[in-house]
Amino acid sequence: KLREHDLRATFVTLSLRNGKTRDWIRARTGQSDQTIARYTRDVQGAEDRNLGELTPLDEAIPEFTQLQPTRAQWQAG
């Protein structure tokens, strides 16, 4: 089973692994520094597996692309 917490934990872990600041993460998750610090223990595992960033959902799930512009279309204006 996949829980909401699992998705948030993955987002925070990979964001830390890929150099995002705690302020950047906090602005997107609402989590405290103390909570974010708990995920630092998982960063080494992400590095060992050479995990990159998460793919935006509008790119990962084709059905979402039909609902709204892709990131490239959005940025192009």
N, C-alpha and C. Protein backbone atom coordinates (compact mmCIF):
# COMPACT_ATOMS: atom_id res chain seq x y z
N LYS A 1 0.84 -1.19 0.00
CA LYS A 1 0.00 0.00 0.00
C LYS A 1 0.87 1.24 0.00
N LEU A 2 0.45 2.22 -0.75
CA LEU A 2 1.15 3.48 -0.82
C LEU A 2 0.34 4.52 -0.05
N ARG A 3 1.02 5.17 0.87
CA ARG A 3 0.33 6.18 1.70
C ARG A 3 0.79 7.57 1.32
N GLU A 4 -0.02 8.57 1.65
CA GLU A 4 0.34 9.96 1.40
C GLU A 4 1.70 10.27 2.03
N HIS A 5 1.92 9.77 3.22
CA HIS A 5 3.19 10.00 3.91
C HIS A 5 4.37 9.48 3.08
N ASP A 6 4.19 8.33 2.42
CA ASP A 6 5.26 7.77 1.61
C ASP A 6 5.64 8.72 0.47
N LEU A 7 4.64 9.32 -0.14
CA LEU A 7 4.91 10.25 -1.24
C LEU A 7 5.63 11.50 -0.74
N ARG A 8 5.19 12.02 0.40
CA ARG A 8 5.84 13.20 0.97
C ARG A 8 7.27 12.87 1.38
N ALA A 9 7.47 11.71 1.99
CA ALA A 9 8.81 11.29 2.41
C ALA A 9 9.73 11.15 1.20
N THR A 10 9.23 10.59 0.12
CA THR A 10 10.02 10.45 -1.10
C THR A 10 10.38 11.81 -1.66
N PHE A 11 9.40 12.72 -1.71
CA PHE A 11 9.64 14.06 -2.22
C PHE A 11 10.73 14.77 -1.41
N VAL A 12 10.63 14.72 -0.08
CA VAL A 12 11.60 15.39 0.78
C VAL A 12 12.97 14.75 0.64
N THR A 13 13.04 13.44 0.67
CA THR A 13 14.32 12.74 0.57
C THR A 13 15.03 13.06 -0.75
N LEU A 14 14.30 12.95 -1.86
CA LEU A 14 14.92 13.21 -3.16
C LEU A 14 15.27 14.69 -3.33
N SER A 15 14.46 15.56 -2.75
CA SER A 15 14.78 16.99 -2.82
C SER A 15 16.07 17.29 -2.08
N LEU A 16 16.22 16.71 -0.89
CA LEU A 16 17.46 16.89 -0.14
C LEU A 16 18.64 16.30 -0.91
N ARG A 17 18.45 15.13 -1.47
CA ARG A 17 19.51 14.45 -2.20
C ARG A 17 19.96 15.27 -3.41
N ASN A 18 19.03 16.00 -4.01
CA ASN A 18 19.32 16.77 -5.21
C ASN A 18 19.63 18.23 -4.92
N GLY A 19 19.95 18.53 -3.65
CA GLY A 19 20.48 19.85 -3.32
C GLY A 19 19.48 20.94 -3.00
N LYS A 20 18.21 20.61 -2.86
CA LYS A 20 17.23 21.63 -2.51
C LYS A 20 17.43 22.02 -1.04
N THR A 21 17.17 23.27 -0.72
CA THR A 21 17.33 23.74 0.65
C THR A 21 16.12 23.37 1.50
N ARG A 22 16.32 23.38 2.80
CA ARG A 22 15.21 23.12 3.71
C ARG A 22 14.12 24.17 3.56
N ASP A 23 14.51 25.42 3.30
CA ASP A 23 13.51 26.47 3.08
C ASP A 23 12.67 26.17 1.84
N TRP A 24 13.31 25.70 0.77
CA TRP A 24 12.59 25.35 -0.45
C TRP A 24 11.60 24.22 -0.17
N ILE A 25 12.06 23.21 0.55
CA ILE A 25 11.21 22.06 0.88
C ILE A 25 10.07 22.48 1.80
N ARG A 26 10.38 23.27 2.82
CA ARG A 26 9.36 23.72 3.77
C ARG A 26 8.27 24.52 3.07
N ALA A 27 8.64 25.36 2.11
CA ALA A 27 7.66 26.16 1.38
C ALA A 27 6.69 25.28 0.59
N ARG A 28 7.13 24.11 0.19
CA ARG A 28 6.29 23.22 -0.61
C ARG A 28 5.54 22.16 0.19
N THR A 29 6.05 21.84 1.38
CA THR A 29 5.43 20.77 2.16
C THR A 29 4.79 21.26 3.46
N GLY A 30 5.25 22.41 3.95
CA GLY A 30 4.74 22.89 5.23
C GLY A 30 5.35 22.17 6.42
N GLN A 31 6.36 21.36 6.19
CA GLN A 31 6.98 20.61 7.27
C GLN A 31 8.01 21.46 8.00
N SER A 32 8.20 21.15 9.28
CA SER A 32 9.16 21.88 10.10
C SER A 32 10.58 21.39 9.79
N ASP A 33 11.57 22.19 10.21
CA ASP A 33 12.97 21.78 10.04
C ASP A 33 13.23 20.45 10.73
N GLN A 34 12.62 20.26 11.90
CA GLN A 34 12.82 19.02 12.66
C GLN A 34 12.30 17.82 11.87
N THR A 35 11.15 17.97 11.25
CA THR A 35 10.59 16.87 10.46
C THR A 35 11.44 16.61 9.22
N ILE A 36 11.85 17.67 8.56
CA ILE A 36 12.69 17.51 7.36
C ILE A 36 14.00 16.83 7.73
N ALA A 37 14.54 17.16 8.89
CA ALA A 37 15.81 16.56 9.33
C ALA A 37 15.71 15.04 9.47
N ARG A 38 14.53 14.54 9.78
CA ARG A 38 14.34 13.08 9.91
C ARG A 38 14.63 12.36 8.59
N TYR A 39 14.40 13.04 7.49
CA TYR A 39 14.57 12.39 6.19
C TYR A 39 16.02 12.37 5.74
N THR A 40 16.89 13.11 6.40
CA THR A 40 18.28 13.14 5.96
C THR A 40 18.93 11.76 6.06
N ARG A 41 18.43 10.92 6.94
CA ARG A 41 19.00 9.58 7.07
C ARG A 41 18.75 8.74 5.82
N ASP A 42 17.72 9.09 5.05
CA ASP A 42 17.39 8.33 3.85
C ASP A 42 18.14 8.84 2.62
N VAL A 43 18.77 10.00 2.72
CA VAL A 43 19.44 10.59 1.57
C VAL A 43 20.58 9.70 1.07
N GLN A 44 21.33 9.09 1.98
CA GLN A 44 22.43 8.23 1.56
C GLN A 44 21.92 7.07 0.72
N GLY A 45 20.80 6.49 1.09
CA GLY A 45 20.22 5.41 0.30
C GLY A 45 19.84 5.88 -1.10
N ALA A 46 19.32 7.11 -1.20
CA ALA A 46 18.97 7.66 -2.50
C ALA A 46 20.23 7.90 -3.33
N GLU A 47 21.30 8.34 -2.67
CA GLU A 47 22.56 8.54 -3.37
C GLU A 47 23.14 7.20 -3.83
N ASP A 48 23.07 6.19 -2.96
CA ASP A 48 23.58 4.87 -3.32
C ASP A 48 22.87 4.29 -4.53
N ARG A 49 21.60 4.61 -4.67
CA ARG A 49 20.80 4.11 -5.80
C ARG A 49 20.82 5.06 -6.99
N ASN A 50 21.56 6.17 -6.83
CA ASN A 50 21.67 7.18 -7.89
C ASN A 50 20.30 7.68 -8.34
N LEU A 51 19.42 7.93 -7.38
CA LEU A 51 18.08 8.42 -7.70
C LEU A 51 18.12 9.90 -8.01
N GLY A 52 17.44 10.30 -9.05
CA GLY A 52 17.37 11.70 -9.44
C GLY A 52 16.11 12.34 -8.91
N GLU A 53 15.63 13.34 -9.63
CA GLU A 53 14.43 14.05 -9.21
C GLU A 53 13.20 13.29 -9.67
N LEU A 54 12.08 13.59 -9.03
CA LEU A 54 10.81 13.01 -9.45
C LEU A 54 10.38 13.64 -10.77
N THR A 55 9.78 12.86 -11.62
CA THR A 55 9.23 13.37 -12.87
C THR A 55 7.92 14.08 -12.56
N PRO A 56 7.71 15.28 -13.08
CA PRO A 56 6.44 15.97 -12.85
C PRO A 56 5.27 15.08 -13.30
N LEU A 57 4.18 15.11 -12.55
CA LEU A 57 3.06 14.22 -12.84
C LEU A 57 2.49 14.43 -14.23
N ASP A 58 2.51 15.67 -14.74
CA ASP A 58 1.96 15.89 -16.08
C ASP A 58 2.83 15.25 -17.16
N GLU A 59 4.05 14.89 -16.81
CA GLU A 59 4.91 14.18 -17.75
C GLU A 59 4.90 12.68 -17.48
N ALA A 60 4.71 12.28 -16.23
CA ALA A 60 4.77 10.87 -15.86
C ALA A 60 3.47 10.13 -16.17
N ILE A 61 2.35 10.86 -16.12
CA ILE A 61 1.04 10.23 -16.34
C ILE A 61 0.42 10.87 -17.58
N PRO A 62 0.42 10.16 -18.68
CA PRO A 62 -0.05 10.75 -19.95
C PRO A 62 -1.45 11.35 -19.87
N GLU A 63 -2.33 10.77 -19.08
CA GLU A 63 -3.69 11.28 -18.97
C GLU A 63 -3.72 12.70 -18.42
N PHE A 64 -2.75 13.06 -17.59
CA PHE A 64 -2.69 14.41 -17.04
C PHE A 64 -2.33 15.43 -18.11
N THR A 65 -1.55 15.02 -19.09
CA THR A 65 -1.13 15.92 -20.15
C THR A 65 -2.34 16.45 -20.92
N GLN A 66 -3.35 15.62 -21.06
CA GLN A 66 -4.55 16.03 -21.78
C GLN A 66 -5.36 17.06 -21.01
N LEU A 67 -5.18 17.12 -19.69
CA LEU A 67 -5.97 18.02 -18.85
C LEU A 67 -5.42 19.43 -18.81
N GLN A 68 -4.12 19.58 -18.94
CA GLN A 68 -3.51 20.90 -18.83
C GLN A 68 -2.21 20.94 -19.64
N PRO A 69 -1.71 22.14 -19.90
CA PRO A 69 -0.46 22.23 -20.66
C PRO A 69 0.70 21.55 -19.94
N THR A 70 1.66 21.06 -20.69
CA THR A 70 2.86 20.49 -20.09
C THR A 70 3.71 21.61 -19.51
N ARG A 71 4.71 21.26 -18.76
CA ARG A 71 5.61 22.25 -18.16
C ARG A 71 6.25 23.11 -19.26
N ALA A 72 6.69 22.47 -20.35
CA ALA A 72 7.32 23.22 -21.44
C ALA A 72 6.33 24.20 -22.06
N GLN A 73 5.08 23.78 -22.26
CA GLN A 73 4.07 24.67 -22.81
C GLN A 73 3.78 25.82 -21.84
N TRP A 74 3.72 25.51 -20.55
CA TRP A 74 3.44 26.52 -19.54
C TRP A 74 4.54 27.59 -19.51
N GLN A 75 5.79 27.14 -19.54
CA GLN A 75 6.90 28.06 -19.50
C GLN A 75 7.02 28.88 -20.77
N ALA A 76 6.62 28.31 -21.90
CA ALA A 76 6.69 29.02 -23.17
C ALA A 76 5.64 30.13 -23.25
N GLY A 77 4.62 30.02 -22.40
CA GLY A 77 3.61 31.07 -22.35
C GLY A 77 2.50 30.80 -23.28
